[in-house]
Amino acid sequence: MLQGQVRLKRLHHRLSAELARLENRLRSTETGSSQELSAYDNHPGDLGTITANRELDMGLVRHLRRRRDDVGRALAKIDQGSYGRCDRCGAAIEPARLEAEPEAACCLSCAEHVNLP
């Protein structure tokens, strides 16, 4: 279990760092991200690209937050002694599934049934 815990902690750290980087980038205003004092002089296509990139970043932030939270829950399950057990049916989660997705909360059968990661 120790190796899995170290792996999850590293993943949590990496996700947190990437999340902080993206959140910092999003804090800049649309005009700030285009390095202009005013959005007035920008070409509409440039503003569209900036807006699209910001929306993409916001989607990535949501995904990273969700995944980081899942990793945090997996670390808590290690502390509780329930890591590797399906949250839905209680069966053991397949080792190959945990290897591929160490934060998995459900066995493959339950995940497919309820469309969970």
Protein backbone atom coordinates (compact mmCIF):
# COMPACT_ATOMS: atom_id res chain seq x y z
CA MET A 1 0.00 0.00 0.00
CA LEU A 2 2.90 2.35 0.68
CA GLN A 3 3.88 2.48 -3.00
CA GLY A 4 0.28 3.32 -3.97
CA GLN A 5 0.15 6.02 -1.33
CA VAL A 6 3.38 7.61 -2.57
CA ARG A 7 2.09 7.47 -6.13
CA LEU A 8 -1.19 9.12 -5.12
CA LYS A 9 0.60 11.84 -3.17
CA ARG A 10 2.82 12.61 -6.17
CA LEU A 11 -0.22 12.71 -8.44
CA HIS A 12 -2.04 15.01 -5.99
CA HIS A 13 0.98 17.34 -5.92
CA ARG A 14 1.28 17.36 -9.72
CA LEU A 15 -2.44 18.05 -10.19
CA SER A 16 -2.35 20.82 -7.57
CA ALA A 17 0.63 22.48 -9.27
CA GLU A 18 -1.00 22.34 -12.71
CA LEU A 19 -4.26 23.64 -11.25
CA ALA A 20 -2.45 26.58 -9.62
CA ARG A 21 -0.70 27.38 -12.91
CA LEU A 22 -3.97 27.43 -14.84
CA GLU A 23 -5.79 29.42 -12.16
CA ASN A 24 -3.03 32.04 -12.21
CA ARG A 25 -3.33 32.30 -15.97
CA LEU A 26 -7.09 32.72 -15.70
CA ARG A 27 -6.74 35.52 -13.15
CA SER A 28 -5.41 37.77 -15.87
CA THR A 29 -8.09 39.74 -17.64
CA GLU A 30 -8.88 39.19 -21.28
CA THR A 31 -7.14 42.42 -22.16
CA GLY A 32 -4.23 41.53 -19.91
CA SER A 33 -3.77 38.19 -21.60
CA SER A 34 -3.52 39.92 -24.97
CA GLN A 35 -0.92 42.38 -23.59
CA GLU A 36 -2.99 45.36 -24.67
CA LEU A 37 -4.14 48.30 -22.61
CA SER A 38 -7.56 48.15 -24.21
CA ALA A 39 -9.54 45.44 -25.98
CA TYR A 40 -10.85 48.12 -28.35
CA ASP A 41 -7.90 47.94 -30.76
CA ASN A 42 -7.82 44.15 -30.97
CA HIS A 43 -9.09 42.34 -34.01
CA PRO A 44 -12.33 40.43 -33.28
CA GLY A 45 -10.64 37.19 -34.34
CA ASP A 46 -7.90 37.75 -31.76
CA LEU A 47 -10.49 38.37 -29.05
CA GLY A 48 -12.32 35.21 -30.11
CA THR A 49 -9.14 33.19 -29.81
CA ILE A 50 -8.44 34.64 -26.37
CA THR A 51 -11.99 33.88 -25.24
CA ALA A 52 -11.82 30.32 -26.60
CA ASN A 53 -8.49 29.71 -24.85
CA ARG A 54 -9.90 31.00 -21.55
CA GLU A 55 -12.93 28.73 -21.87
CA LEU A 56 -10.64 25.79 -22.58
CA ASP A 57 -8.57 26.67 -19.50
CA MET A 58 -11.74 26.89 -17.37
CA GLY A 59 -12.75 23.41 -18.53
CA LEU A 60 -9.29 22.11 -17.68
CA VAL A 61 -9.50 23.72 -14.23
CA ARG A 62 -12.82 21.96 -13.56
CA HIS A 63 -11.34 18.64 -14.69
CA LEU A 64 -8.18 19.07 -12.61
CA ARG A 65 -10.16 20.04 -9.51
CA ARG A 66 -12.38 16.98 -9.87
CA ARG A 67 -9.40 14.67 -10.40
CA ARG A 68 -7.43 16.23 -7.53
CA ASP A 69 -10.47 15.76 -5.27
CA ASP A 70 -10.74 12.12 -6.37
CA VAL A 71 -7.06 11.59 -5.52
CA GLY A 72 -7.65 13.24 -2.12
CA ARG A 73 -10.54 10.86 -1.46
CA ALA A 74 -8.33 7.90 -2.42
CA LEU A 75 -5.67 9.08 0.05
CA ALA A 76 -8.34 9.37 2.75
CA LYS A 77 -9.48 5.81 1.93
CA ILE A 78 -5.91 4.61 2.47
CA ASP A 79 -5.94 6.21 5.93
CA GLN A 80 -9.31 4.59 6.66
CA GLY A 81 -8.16 1.20 5.40
CA SER A 82 -10.78 1.03 2.64
CA TYR A 83 -8.60 1.82 -0.37
CA GLY A 84 -9.05 -0.63 -3.22
CA ARG A 85 -12.69 -1.37 -2.35
CA CYS A 86 -15.54 -0.31 -4.61
CA ASP A 87 -17.64 2.50 -3.13
CA ARG A 88 -20.73 1.08 -4.79
CA CYS A 89 -20.64 -2.70 -4.28
CA GLY A 90 -17.80 -3.15 -1.79
CA ALA A 91 -15.89 -5.62 -3.96
CA ALA A 92 -12.16 -5.34 -4.52
CA ILE A 93 -11.22 -2.99 -7.36
CA GLU A 94 -9.20 -4.81 -9.99
CA PRO A 95 -5.42 -4.28 -9.51
CA ALA A 96 -5.01 -3.39 -13.20
CA ARG A 97 -7.67 -0.69 -12.78
CA LEU A 98 -5.89 0.75 -9.75
CA GLU A 99 -2.62 0.65 -11.65
CA ALA A 100 -4.14 2.61 -14.54
CA GLU A 101 -6.25 4.91 -12.36
CA PRO A 102 -5.08 4.84 -8.73
CA GLU A 103 -7.87 7.20 -7.64
CA ALA A 104 -10.61 4.84 -8.92
CA ALA A 105 -13.49 4.66 -6.45
CA CYS A 106 -15.45 1.89 -8.16
CA CYS A 107 -14.70 -1.46 -9.72
CA LEU A 108 -14.90 -1.59 -13.49
CA SER A 109 -18.31 -3.24 -13.49
CA CYS A 110 -19.87 -0.55 -11.28
CA ALA A 111 -18.08 2.26 -13.14
CA GLU A 112 -19.49 1.05 -16.45
CA HIS A 113 -22.94 0.65 -14.94
CA VAL A 114 -23.16 4.21 -13.64
CA ASN A 115 -20.77 5.88 -16.14
CA LEU A 116 -18.14 6.77 -13.55
CA PRO A 117 -14.42 7.17 -14.24
